[in-house]
Amino acid sequence: MAELMVRDGTWSFDGDRVWIVPGQERSVHRLRQDLGETSVPLEALAGIAYEPARKGGRLRLRLRDGADPLLYVTGGGLPDDASPYQVAVDPDRTGVAEYFADAVRQSLLLDQVMTGPTDRYLLPGPAVPLSAAGVDGVATFDGEQVHIDWRWTTSESKKHGGARDFALADLAGVDWRPASGLESGYLRFRPKGVVTKLKPEHDPNAIELWGFKKESGRTALLAAAVAARLPHPSAGPAPSAGAVAGTTDAPALKAAARTGGGSGEEGADVLLRRLRELGELHREGILTAEEFATAKAAVLKDFHGAG
């Protein structure tokens, strides 16, 4: 087992999962602490990278698109220090971080884990019940129903409608956006058949957010908890094997596997992707077992050369 223990938290890898336990120091973002221990299955990973810095560095997981409800619902809007999938590495632990990254990368290679988008959540989302506060309201979610109580600061239009309740079965989706510039952010619930263009301060189905205080990260967790229990917003049918690899000609595939290896983390990730693409072609019968073995050997040769 590979294990990295730093002030920012503890990461462990047993060959099948990365276990993440956030640190409890004041420097650790409240969102990560509220989320608690996270278990990331190998099949949810698209890659891992260690990013060295002048003092220490940063270890970062890349998850497959659509694998995690928290990343999906926040749409890349989380501040870097709020992401549960990165950890600051102390200067005396850089060697351990590099070893950890190598262990995960090797397992991804050996298991031929697919790194493309997924049509189902591979992480369960935050535990419930959850409660989260915004500028003008407080939302609670028990796993089956969302309830919103308004604060005295809310607009008269929202107050007039009273508290809001949404059964999970009646929701088409949930949206979360942080504030940007002078624009308010929001936690918005979308009932089926309802389309609105109202700003969050006037939308009775939304809580207004302003800034990104450590406490407000709970609204992102609540949104993720709801999203995890709704149908997966699949991006549509996956491209054909030929489209993924760029060609269905076996000799050309072998040539492609031997080029563009690059160097370091980026080169290794490219080669891993190529190996998985070849695996897809083999499973779909486009490559014979012999052609697949030849192409795989070429990729592995380049992988070891890039390392």
C-alpha atoms as a PDB file:
ATOM      1  CA  MET A   1       0.000   0.000   0.000  1.00  0.00           C
ATOM      2  CA  ALA A   2       1.202   3.503  -0.851  1.00  0.00           C
ATOM      3  CA  GLU A   3       0.518   6.182   1.742  1.00  0.00           C
ATOM      4  CA  LEU A   4       1.187   9.906   1.877  1.00  0.00           C
ATOM      5  CA  MET A   5       0.740  11.736   5.185  1.00  0.00           C
ATOM      6  CA  VAL A   6       1.069  15.523   5.153  1.00  0.00           C
ATOM      7  CA  ARG A   7      -0.425  18.454   7.065  1.00  0.00           C
ATOM      8  CA  ASP A   8      -3.068  18.842   4.346  1.00  0.00           C
ATOM      9  CA  GLY A   9      -4.358  15.307   4.837  1.00  0.00           C
ATOM     10  CA  THR A  10      -3.637  11.607   4.297  1.00  0.00           C
ATOM     11  CA  TRP A  11      -3.858   9.743   0.997  1.00  0.00           C
ATOM     12  CA  SER A  12      -3.700   5.935   0.776  1.00  0.00           C
ATOM     13  CA  PHE A  13      -3.781   3.640  -2.241  1.00  0.00           C
ATOM     14  CA  ASP A  14      -4.431  -0.106  -1.975  1.00  0.00           C
ATOM     15  CA  GLY A  15      -4.350  -0.929  -5.687  1.00  0.00           C
ATOM     16  CA  ASP A  16      -8.112  -0.541  -6.131  1.00  0.00           C
ATOM     17  CA  ARG A  17      -8.972   2.776  -4.482  1.00  0.00           C
ATOM     18  CA  VAL A  18      -7.464   6.058  -3.396  1.00  0.00           C
ATOM     19  CA  TRP A  19      -8.595   6.901   0.129  1.00  0.00           C
ATOM     20  CA  ILE A  20      -8.513  10.609   0.971  1.00  0.00           C
ATOM     21  CA  VAL A  21      -8.783  11.906   4.539  1.00  0.00           C
ATOM     22  CA  PRO A  22      -8.593  15.706   4.808  1.00  0.00           C
ATOM     23  CA  GLY A  23      -6.459  17.327   7.482  1.00  0.00           C
ATOM     24  CA  GLN A  24      -8.091  19.163  10.357  1.00  0.00           C
ATOM     25  CA  GLU A  25      -5.828  22.215  10.479  1.00  0.00           C
ATOM     26  CA  ARG A  26      -7.280  25.674   9.910  1.00  0.00           C
ATOM     27  CA  SER A  27      -5.471  25.906   6.571  1.00  0.00           C
ATOM     28  CA  VAL A  28      -7.561  23.039   5.143  1.00  0.00           C
ATOM     29  CA  HIS A  29     -10.651  24.311   3.315  1.00  0.00           C
ATOM     30  CA  ARG A  30     -13.925  23.823   5.169  1.00  0.00           C
ATOM     31  CA  LEU A  31     -15.552  22.137   2.165  1.00  0.00           C
ATOM     32  CA  ARG A  32     -12.974  19.347   2.251  1.00  0.00           C
ATOM     33  CA  GLN A  33     -13.417  18.896   5.975  1.00  0.00           C
ATOM     34  CA  ASP A  34     -17.221  18.820   5.643  1.00  0.00           C
ATOM     35  CA  LEU A  35     -16.982  16.243   2.856  1.00  0.00           C
ATOM     36  CA  GLY A  36     -14.852  14.021   5.076  1.00  0.00           C
ATOM     37  CA  GLU A  37     -13.185  10.798   3.978  1.00  0.00           C
ATOM     38  CA  THR A  38     -13.496  10.141   0.259  1.00  0.00           C
ATOM     39  CA  SER A  39     -12.962   6.842  -1.520  1.00  0.00           C
ATOM     40  CA  VAL A  40     -12.099   7.117  -5.222  1.00  0.00           C
ATOM     41  CA  PRO A  41     -12.243   3.813  -7.153  1.00  0.00           C
ATOM     42  CA  LEU A  42      -9.533   3.225  -9.734  1.00  0.00           C
ATOM     43  CA  GLU A  43     -12.153   3.073 -12.508  1.00  0.00           C
ATOM     44  CA  ALA A  44     -13.109   6.699 -11.758  1.00  0.00           C
ATOM     45  CA  LEU A  45      -9.591   8.014 -12.428  1.00  0.00           C
ATOM     46  CA  ALA A  46      -8.315   9.545 -15.646  1.00  0.00           C
ATOM     47  CA  GLY A  47      -4.831  10.160 -14.267  1.00  0.00           C
ATOM     48  CA  ILE A  48      -2.654  11.498 -11.471  1.00  0.00           C
ATOM     49  CA  ALA A  49       0.103  14.078 -11.446  1.00  0.00           C
ATOM     50  CA  TYR A  50       2.679  15.335  -8.987  1.00  0.00           C
ATOM     51  CA  GLU A  51       3.418  19.019  -9.543  1.00  0.00           C
ATOM     52  CA  PRO A  52       6.714  20.068  -7.948  1.00  0.00           C
ATOM     53  CA  ALA A  53       7.105  23.588  -6.608  1.00  0.00           C
ATOM     54  CA  ARG A  54       9.866  25.649  -5.017  1.00  0.00           C
ATOM     55  CA  LYS A  55       8.789  24.371  -1.616  1.00  0.00           C
ATOM     56  CA  GLY A  56       7.152  20.965  -1.708  1.00  0.00           C
ATOM     57  CA  GLY A  57       4.549  20.553  -4.423  1.00  0.00           C
ATOM     58  CA  ARG A  58       1.030  19.320  -5.097  1.00  0.00           C
ATOM     59  CA  LEU A  59      -0.408  15.872  -5.795  1.00  0.00           C
ATOM     60  CA  ARG A  60      -3.517  15.972  -7.955  1.00  0.00           C
ATOM     61  CA  LEU A  61      -6.018  13.375  -9.163  1.00  0.00           C
ATOM     62  CA  ARG A  62      -7.805  13.748 -12.498  1.00  0.00           C
ATOM     63  CA  LEU A  63     -11.231  12.124 -12.497  1.00  0.00           C
ATOM     64  CA  ARG A  64     -13.124  10.947 -15.538  1.00  0.00           C
ATOM     65  CA  ASP A  65     -15.772  13.347 -16.820  1.00  0.00           C
ATOM     66  CA  GLY A  66     -19.093  12.481 -15.233  1.00  0.00           C
ATOM     67  CA  ALA A  67     -17.629  10.191 -12.571  1.00  0.00           C
ATOM     68  CA  ASP A  68     -18.105  12.503  -9.585  1.00  0.00           C
ATOM     69  CA  PRO A  69     -21.342  14.412  -8.850  1.00  0.00           C
ATOM     70  CA  LEU A  70     -19.431  17.122  -6.967  1.00  0.00           C
ATOM     71  CA  LEU A  71     -17.171  17.927  -9.906  1.00  0.00           C
ATOM     72  CA  TYR A  72     -20.081  17.707 -12.329  1.00  0.00           C
ATOM     73  CA  VAL A  73     -22.424  20.030 -10.474  1.00  0.00           C
ATOM     74  CA  THR A  74     -19.743  22.621  -9.679  1.00  0.00           C
ATOM     75  CA  GLY A  75     -18.517  22.634 -13.276  1.00  0.00           C
ATOM     76  CA  GLY A  76     -14.938  23.568 -12.403  1.00  0.00           C
ATOM     77  CA  GLY A  77     -16.086  26.441 -10.176  1.00  0.00           C
ATOM     78  CA  LEU A  78     -14.434  25.227  -6.975  1.00  0.00           C
ATOM     79  CA  PRO A  79     -11.357  27.163  -5.839  1.00  0.00           C
ATOM     80  CA  ASP A  80      -8.228  25.051  -6.040  1.00  0.00           C
ATOM     81  CA  ASP A  81      -7.848  24.799  -2.272  1.00  0.00           C
ATOM     82  CA  ALA A  82     -11.439  23.538  -1.956  1.00  0.00           C
ATOM     83  CA  SER A  83     -10.951  20.575  -4.286  1.00  0.00           C
ATOM     84  CA  PRO A  84     -10.824  17.254  -2.411  1.00  0.00           C
ATOM     85  CA  TYR A  85      -8.714  15.755  -5.206  1.00  0.00           C
ATOM     86  CA  GLN A  86      -5.514  17.702  -4.612  1.00  0.00           C
ATOM     87  CA  VAL A  87      -3.191  17.878  -1.636  1.00  0.00           C
ATOM     88  CA  ALA A  88      -0.268  20.143  -0.785  1.00  0.00           C
ATOM     89  CA  VAL A  89       2.932  18.143  -0.339  1.00  0.00           C
ATOM     90  CA  ASP A  90       5.420  19.156   2.341  1.00  0.00           C
ATOM     91  CA  PRO A  91       9.060  19.590   1.203  1.00  0.00           C
ATOM     92  CA  ASP A  92      10.216  16.475   3.057  1.00  0.00           C
ATOM     93  CA  ARG A  93       7.497  14.302   1.483  1.00  0.00           C
ATOM     94  CA  THR A  94       8.106  14.952  -2.213  1.00  0.00           C
ATOM     95  CA  GLY A  95       9.727  11.550  -2.757  1.00  0.00           C
ATOM     96  CA  VAL A  96       6.733   9.805  -1.200  1.00  0.00           C
ATOM     97  CA  ALA A  97       4.367  11.835  -3.393  1.00  0.00           C
ATOM     98  CA  GLU A  98       6.246  10.821  -6.528  1.00  0.00           C
ATOM     99  CA  TYR A  99       6.163   7.164  -5.444  1.00  0.00           C
ATOM    100  CA  PHE A 100       2.411   7.458  -4.758  1.00  0.00           C
ATOM    101  CA  ALA A 101       1.766   8.907  -8.235  1.00  0.00           C
ATOM    102  CA  ASP A 102       3.839   6.134  -9.842  1.00  0.00           C
ATOM    103  CA  ALA A 103       1.889   3.433  -7.957  1.00  0.00           C
ATOM    104  CA  VAL A 104      -1.485   4.783  -9.097  1.00  0.00           C
ATOM    105  CA  ARG A 105      -0.254   5.310 -12.654  1.00  0.00           C
ATOM    106  CA  GLN A 106       1.078   1.756 -12.868  1.00  0.00           C
ATOM    107  CA  SER A 107      -2.259   0.329 -11.679  1.00  0.00           C
ATOM    108  CA  LEU A 108      -4.115   2.397 -14.264  1.00  0.00           C
ATOM    109  CA  LEU A 109      -1.821   0.969 -16.908  1.00  0.00           C
ATOM    110  CA  LEU A 110      -1.977  -2.660 -15.802  1.00  0.00           C
ATOM    111  CA  ASP A 111      -5.768  -2.614 -15.332  1.00  0.00           C
ATOM    112  CA  GLN A 112      -6.243  -0.739 -18.624  1.00  0.00           C
ATOM    113  CA  VAL A 113      -8.721   1.614 -16.969  1.00  0.00           C
ATOM    114  CA  MET A 114     -10.765   3.615 -19.451  1.00  0.00           C
ATOM    115  CA  THR A 115     -10.204   7.364 -19.018  1.00  0.00           C
ATOM    116  CA  GLY A 116     -12.996   8.801 -21.170  1.00  0.00           C
ATOM    117  CA  PRO A 117     -16.367  10.158 -19.992  1.00  0.00           C
ATOM    118  CA  THR A 118     -18.621   7.831 -18.023  1.00  0.00           C
ATOM    119  CA  ASP A 119     -22.403   7.522 -18.219  1.00  0.00           C
ATOM    120  CA  ARG A 120     -22.833   6.869 -14.502  1.00  0.00           C
ATOM    121  CA  TYR A 121     -21.527   8.317 -11.282  1.00  0.00           C
ATOM    122  CA  LEU A 122     -18.674   6.241  -9.898  1.00  0.00           C
ATOM    123  CA  LEU A 123     -18.607   8.117  -6.576  1.00  0.00           C
ATOM    124  CA  PRO A 124     -21.679   8.202  -4.308  1.00  0.00           C
ATOM    125  CA  GLY A 125     -21.680  11.931  -3.539  1.00  0.00           C
ATOM    126  CA  PRO A 126     -21.813  13.579  -0.102  1.00  0.00           C
ATOM    127  CA  ALA A 127     -23.668  11.864   2.725  1.00  0.00           C
ATOM    128  CA  VAL A 128     -27.067  13.122   3.849  1.00  0.00           C
ATOM    129  CA  PRO A 129     -28.764  14.756   5.669  1.00  0.00           C
ATOM    130  CA  LEU A 130     -27.178  18.062   4.716  1.00  0.00           C
ATOM    131  CA  SER A 131     -27.941  21.686   5.479  1.00  0.00           C
ATOM    132  CA  ALA A 132     -26.426  24.675   3.658  1.00  0.00           C
ATOM    133  CA  ALA A 133     -26.925  28.426   3.914  1.00  0.00           C
ATOM    134  CA  GLY A 134     -26.723  31.132   1.263  1.00  0.00           C
ATOM    135  CA  VAL A 135     -27.265  34.871   1.362  1.00  0.00           C
ATOM    136  CA  ASP A 136     -31.060  34.713   1.529  1.00  0.00           C
ATOM    137  CA  GLY A 137     -32.009  31.174   2.460  1.00  0.00           C
ATOM    138  CA  VAL A 138     -31.147  27.850   4.070  1.00  0.00           C
ATOM    139  CA  ALA A 139     -31.626  24.546   2.247  1.00  0.00           C
ATOM    140  CA  THR A 140     -31.807  21.080   3.768  1.00  0.00           C
ATOM    141  CA  PHE A 141     -31.793  17.716   1.992  1.00  0.00           C
ATOM    142  CA  ASP A 142     -32.591  14.380   3.617  1.00  0.00           C
ATOM    143  CA  GLY A 143     -32.048  12.160   0.596  1.00  0.00           C
ATOM    144  CA  GLU A 144     -35.641  12.348  -0.631  1.00  0.00           C
ATOM    145  CA  GLN A 145     -36.756  15.944  -0.272  1.00  0.00           C
ATOM    146  CA  VAL A 146     -35.266  19.438  -0.430  1.00  0.00           C
ATOM    147  CA  HIS A 147     -36.625  22.137   1.872  1.00  0.00           C
ATOM    148  CA  ILE A 148     -35.808  25.862   1.700  1.00  0.00           C
ATOM    149  CA  ASP A 149     -36.447  28.408   4.469  1.00  0.00           C
ATOM    150  CA  TRP A 150     -35.976  32.081   3.628  1.00  0.00           C
ATOM    151  CA  ARG A 151     -33.967  34.516   5.688  1.00  0.00           C
ATOM    152  CA  TRP A 152     -35.093  38.043   6.488  1.00  0.00           C
ATOM    153  CA  THR A 153     -32.697  39.302   3.808  1.00  0.00           C
ATOM    154  CA  THR A 154     -34.567  37.621   0.951  1.00  0.00           C
ATOM    155  CA  SER A 155     -36.604  39.518  -1.648  1.00  0.00           C
ATOM    156  CA  GLU A 156     -40.304  40.154  -1.144  1.00  0.00           C
ATOM    157  CA  SER A 157     -41.144  37.978  -4.153  1.00  0.00           C
ATOM    158  CA  LYS A 158     -39.531  34.967  -2.499  1.00  0.00           C
ATOM    159  CA  LYS A 159     -41.045  35.706   0.909  1.00  0.00           C
ATOM    160  CA  HIS A 160     -44.498  35.958  -0.639  1.00  0.00           C
ATOM    161  CA  GLY A 161     -44.304  32.355  -1.877  1.00  0.00           C
ATOM    162  CA  GLY A 162     -43.240  31.024   1.505  1.00  0.00           C
ATOM    163  CA  ALA A 163     -40.933  28.111   2.239  1.00  0.00           C
ATOM    164  CA  ARG A 164     -40.222  25.725  -0.620  1.00  0.00           C
ATOM    165  CA  ASP A 165     -40.305  21.929  -0.777  1.00  0.00           C
ATOM    166  CA  PHE A 166     -39.101  19.743  -3.654  1.00  0.00           C
ATOM    167  CA  ALA A 167     -39.535  15.992  -3.771  1.00  0.00           C
ATOM    168  CA  LEU A 168     -36.521  14.360  -5.406  1.00  0.00           C
ATOM    169  CA  ALA A 169     -38.800  12.644  -7.934  1.00  0.00           C
ATOM    170  CA  ASP A 170     -40.114  16.036  -9.085  1.00  0.00           C
ATOM    171  CA  LEU A 171     -36.701  17.528  -9.847  1.00  0.00           C
ATOM    172  CA  ALA A 172     -35.131  17.590 -13.307  1.00  0.00           C
ATOM    173  CA  GLY A 173     -31.805  18.811 -11.967  1.00  0.00           C
ATOM    174  CA  VAL A 174     -29.834  21.079  -9.667  1.00  0.00           C
ATOM    175  CA  ASP A 175     -27.409  23.858 -10.602  1.00  0.00           C
ATOM    176  CA  TRP A 176     -24.633  25.466  -8.595  1.00  0.00           C
ATOM    177  CA  ARG A 177     -22.613  28.486  -9.650  1.00  0.00           C
ATOM    178  CA  PRO A 178     -20.210  30.643  -7.613  1.00  0.00           C
ATOM    179  CA  ALA A 179     -20.399  34.421  -7.717  1.00  0.00           C
ATOM    180  CA  SER A 180     -18.442  35.990 -10.559  1.00  0.00           C
ATOM    181  CA  GLY A 181     -17.540  39.665 -10.504  1.00  0.00           C
ATOM    182  CA  LEU A 182     -20.715  41.591  -9.685  1.00  0.00           C
ATOM    183  CA  GLU A 183     -22.944  38.624 -10.581  1.00  0.00           C
ATOM    184  CA  SER A 184     -24.411  36.600  -7.724  1.00  0.00           C
ATOM    185  CA  GLY A 185     -23.916  32.880  -7.572  1.00  0.00           C
ATOM    186  CA  TYR A 186     -26.738  30.477  -6.863  1.00  0.00           C
ATOM    187  CA  LEU A 187     -27.912  27.084  -5.730  1.00  0.00           C
ATOM    188  CA  ARG A 188     -30.895  26.423  -7.998  1.00  0.00           C
ATOM    189  CA  PHE A 189     -33.320  23.516  -8.034  1.00  0.00           C
ATOM    190  CA  ARG A 190     -35.034  22.789 -11.358  1.00  0.00           C
ATOM    191  CA  PRO A 191     -38.492  21.219 -11.060  1.00  0.00           C
ATOM    192  CA  LYS A 192     -39.559  19.140 -14.053  1.00  0.00           C
ATOM    193  CA  GLY A 193     -41.304  21.201 -16.713  1.00  0.00           C
ATOM    194  CA  VAL A 194     -40.218  24.536 -15.207  1.00  0.00           C
ATOM    195  CA  VAL A 195     -37.942  26.920 -17.107  1.00  0.00           C
ATOM    196  CA  THR A 196     -36.938  30.241 -15.554  1.00  0.00           C
ATOM    197  CA  LYS A 197     -34.779  33.186 -16.571  1.00  0.00           C
ATOM    198  CA  LEU A 198     -35.115  34.961 -13.244  1.00  0.00           C
ATOM    199  CA  LYS A 199     -32.019  36.159 -11.449  1.00  0.00           C
ATOM    200  CA  PRO A 200     -31.244  34.155  -8.297  1.00  0.00           C
ATOM    201  CA  GLU A 201     -32.330  36.987  -6.002  1.00  0.00           C
ATOM    202  CA  HIS A 202     -35.870  36.716  -7.466  1.00  0.00           C
ATOM    203  CA  ASP A 203     -36.048  33.017  -8.333  1.00  0.00           C
ATOM    204  CA  PRO A 204     -38.151  31.152  -5.728  1.00  0.00           C
ATOM    205  CA  ASN A 205     -36.319  27.940  -6.633  1.00  0.00           C
ATOM    206  CA  ALA A 206     -32.854  29.368  -5.955  1.00  0.00           C
ATOM    207  CA  ILE A 207     -30.714  30.495  -3.057  1.00  0.00           C
ATOM    208  CA  GLU A 208     -28.417  33.438  -3.770  1.00  0.00           C
ATOM    209  CA  LEU A 209     -24.689  33.012  -3.151  1.00  0.00           C
ATOM    210  CA  TRP A 210     -22.089  35.712  -2.835  1.00  0.00           C
ATOM    211  CA  GLY A 211     -18.342  35.143  -2.775  1.00  0.00           C
ATOM    212  CA  PHE A 212     -16.888  31.827  -1.694  1.00  0.00           C
ATOM    213  CA  LYS A 213     -16.507  31.841   2.038  1.00  0.00           C
ATOM    214  CA  LYS A 214     -15.342  28.611   3.590  1.00  0.00           C
ATOM    215  CA  GLU A 215     -18.820  28.090   5.056  1.00  0.00           C
ATOM    216  CA  SER A 216     -20.601  28.476   1.701  1.00  0.00           C
ATOM    217  CA  GLY A 217     -18.909  25.384   0.304  1.00  0.00           C
ATOM    218  CA  ARG A 218     -21.693  23.355   1.910  1.00  0.00           C
ATOM    219  CA  THR A 219     -24.068  24.592  -0.788  1.00  0.00           C
ATOM    220  CA  ALA A 220     -21.847  22.821  -3.344  1.00  0.00           C
ATOM    221  CA  LEU A 221     -21.956  19.643  -1.253  1.00  0.00           C
ATOM    222  CA  LEU A 222     -25.735  19.803  -0.999  1.00  0.00           C
ATOM    223  CA  ALA A 223     -26.039  20.309  -4.766  1.00  0.00           C
ATOM    224  CA  ALA A 224     -23.786  17.284  -5.330  1.00  0.00           C
ATOM    225  CA  ALA A 225     -25.821  15.160  -2.905  1.00  0.00           C
ATOM    226  CA  VAL A 226     -28.994  15.948  -4.863  1.00  0.00           C
ATOM    227  CA  ALA A 227     -27.314  15.414  -8.245  1.00  0.00           C
ATOM    228  CA  ALA A 228     -25.951  12.019  -7.162  1.00  0.00           C
ATOM    229  CA  ARG A 229     -29.514  10.809  -6.563  1.00  0.00           C
ATOM    230  CA  LEU A 230     -30.898  12.050  -9.881  1.00  0.00           C
ATOM    231  CA  PRO A 231     -30.435  10.328 -13.272  1.00  0.00           C
ATOM    232  CA  HIS A 232     -26.918  10.776 -14.618  1.00  0.00           C
ATOM    233  CA  PRO A 233     -26.711  13.628 -17.160  1.00  0.00           C
ATOM    234  CA  SER A 234     -24.908  11.462 -19.708  1.00  0.00           C
ATOM    235  CA  ALA A 235     -23.196  13.397 -22.477  1.00  0.00           C
ATOM    236  CA  GLY A 236     -24.701  11.100 -25.150  1.00  0.00           C
ATOM    237  CA  PRO A 237     -23.415   8.116 -27.094  1.00  0.00           C
ATOM    238  CA  ALA A 238     -19.687   7.515 -27.039  1.00  0.00           C
ATOM    239  CA  PRO A 239     -17.789   8.021 -30.304  1.00  0.00           C
ATOM    240  CA  SER A 240     -17.057   4.949 -32.393  1.00  0.00           C
ATOM    241  CA  ALA A 241     -13.798   3.087 -31.850  1.00  0.00           C
ATOM    242  CA  GLY A 242     -12.491   4.388 -35.167  1.00  0.00           C
ATOM    243  CA  ALA A 243     -13.268   7.960 -34.169  1.00  0.00           C
ATOM    244  CA  VAL A 244     -11.536   7.523 -30.816  1.00  0.00           C
ATOM    245  CA  ALA A 245      -8.353   6.149 -32.310  1.00  0.00           C
ATOM    246  CA  GLY A 246      -8.512   8.315 -35.427  1.00  0.00           C
ATOM    247  CA  THR A 247      -8.352   5.305 -37.791  1.00  0.00           C
ATOM    248  CA  THR A 248      -9.515   1.717 -38.159  1.00  0.00           C
ATOM    249  CA  ASP A 249      -6.438   0.638 -40.084  1.00  0.00           C
ATOM    250  CA  ALA A 250      -4.349  -1.685 -37.897  1.00  0.00           C
ATOM    251  CA  PRO A 251      -0.895  -0.774 -39.304  1.00  0.00           C
ATOM    252  CA  ALA A 252      -1.695   2.905 -38.894  1.00  0.00           C
ATOM    253  CA  LEU A 253      -2.765   2.271 -35.304  1.00  0.00           C
ATOM    254  CA  LYS A 254       0.552   0.587 -34.602  1.00  0.00           C
ATOM    255  CA  ALA A 255       2.423   3.523 -36.077  1.00  0.00           C
ATOM    256  CA  ALA A 256       0.357   5.949 -34.009  1.00  0.00           C
ATOM    257  CA  ALA A 257       1.172   3.966 -30.869  1.00  0.00           C
ATOM    258  CA  ARG A 258       4.864   4.478 -31.514  1.00  0.00           C
ATOM    259  CA  THR A 259       4.770   8.249 -32.009  1.00  0.00           C
ATOM    260  CA  GLY A 260       4.221  11.294 -29.822  1.00  0.00           C
ATOM    261  CA  GLY A 261       5.358   9.675 -26.608  1.00  0.00           C
ATOM    262  CA  GLY A 262       6.512  12.976 -25.113  1.00  0.00           C
ATOM    263  CA  SER A 263       8.222  12.997 -21.766  1.00  0.00           C
ATOM    264  CA  GLY A 264       7.418  13.013 -18.074  1.00  0.00           C
ATOM    265  CA  GLU A 265       3.839  13.060 -16.733  1.00  0.00           C
ATOM    266  CA  GLU A 266       2.288  14.373 -19.954  1.00  0.00           C
ATOM    267  CA  GLY A 267       3.984  11.782 -22.169  1.00  0.00           C
ATOM    268  CA  ALA A 268       3.002   8.936 -19.860  1.00  0.00           C
ATOM    269  CA  ASP A 269      -0.635  10.083 -19.862  1.00  0.00           C
ATOM    270  CA  VAL A 270      -0.662  10.191 -23.674  1.00  0.00           C
ATOM    271  CA  LEU A 271       0.701   6.651 -23.892  1.00  0.00           C
ATOM    272  CA  LEU A 272      -1.816   5.412 -21.315  1.00  0.00           C
ATOM    273  CA  ARG A 273      -4.647   6.847 -23.362  1.00  0.00           C
ATOM    274  CA  ARG A 274      -3.327   5.158 -26.500  1.00  0.00           C
ATOM    275  CA  LEU A 275      -3.113   1.807 -24.754  1.00  0.00           C
ATOM    276  CA  ARG A 276      -6.710   2.067 -23.582  1.00  0.00           C
ATOM    277  CA  GLU A 277      -7.865   3.057 -27.046  1.00  0.00           C
ATOM    278  CA  LEU A 278      -6.146  -0.014 -28.464  1.00  0.00           C
ATOM    279  CA  GLY A 279      -7.852  -2.121 -25.800  1.00  0.00           C
ATOM    280  CA  GLU A 280     -11.234  -0.793 -26.944  1.00  0.00           C
ATOM    281  CA  LEU A 281     -10.472  -1.683 -30.545  1.00  0.00           C
ATOM    282  CA  HIS A 282      -9.461  -5.196 -29.512  1.00  0.00           C
ATOM    283  CA  ARG A 283     -12.612  -5.745 -27.445  1.00  0.00           C
ATOM    284  CA  GLU A 284     -14.771  -4.580 -30.345  1.00  0.00           C
ATOM    285  CA  GLY A 285     -13.039  -6.966 -32.746  1.00  0.00           C
ATOM    286  CA  ILE A 286     -11.404  -4.290 -34.898  1.00  0.00           C
ATOM    287  CA  LEU A 287      -7.925  -5.494 -33.911  1.00  0.00           C
ATOM    288  CA  THR A 288      -7.017  -9.177 -33.801  1.00  0.00           C
ATOM    289  CA  ALA A 289      -5.302 -10.578 -30.731  1.00  0.00           C
ATOM    290  CA  GLU A 290      -1.986 -10.587 -32.595  1.00  0.00           C
ATOM    291  CA  GLU A 291      -2.386  -6.993 -33.801  1.00  0.00           C
ATOM    292  CA  PHE A 292      -3.370  -5.867 -30.329  1.00  0.00           C
ATOM    293  CA  ALA A 293      -0.354  -7.605 -28.744  1.00  0.00           C
ATOM    294  CA  THR A 294       1.999  -5.971 -31.258  1.00  0.00           C
ATOM    295  CA  ALA A 295       0.539  -2.510 -30.751  1.00  0.00           C
ATOM    296  CA  LYS A 296       0.475  -2.925 -26.968  1.00  0.00           C
ATOM    297  CA  ALA A 297       4.131  -3.945 -26.931  1.00  0.00           C
ATOM    298  CA  ALA A 298       5.020  -0.810 -28.888  1.00  0.00           C
ATOM    299  CA  VAL A 299       3.097   1.397 -26.454  1.00  0.00           C
ATOM    300  CA  LEU A 300       4.668  -0.226 -23.409  1.00  0.00           C
ATOM    301  CA  LYS A 301       8.123   0.230 -24.946  1.00  0.00           C
ATOM    302  CA  ASP A 302       7.445   3.938 -25.386  1.00  0.00           C
ATOM    303  CA  PHE A 303       5.937   4.137 -21.881  1.00  0.00           C
ATOM    304  CA  HIS A 304       9.075   2.779 -20.262  1.00  0.00           C
ATOM    305  CA  GLY A 305      11.175   5.048 -22.454  1.00  0.00           C
ATOM    306  CA  ALA A 306       9.150   8.084 -21.378  1.00  0.00           C
ATOM    307  CA  GLY A 307       9.551   7.137 -17.725  1.00  0.00           C
END
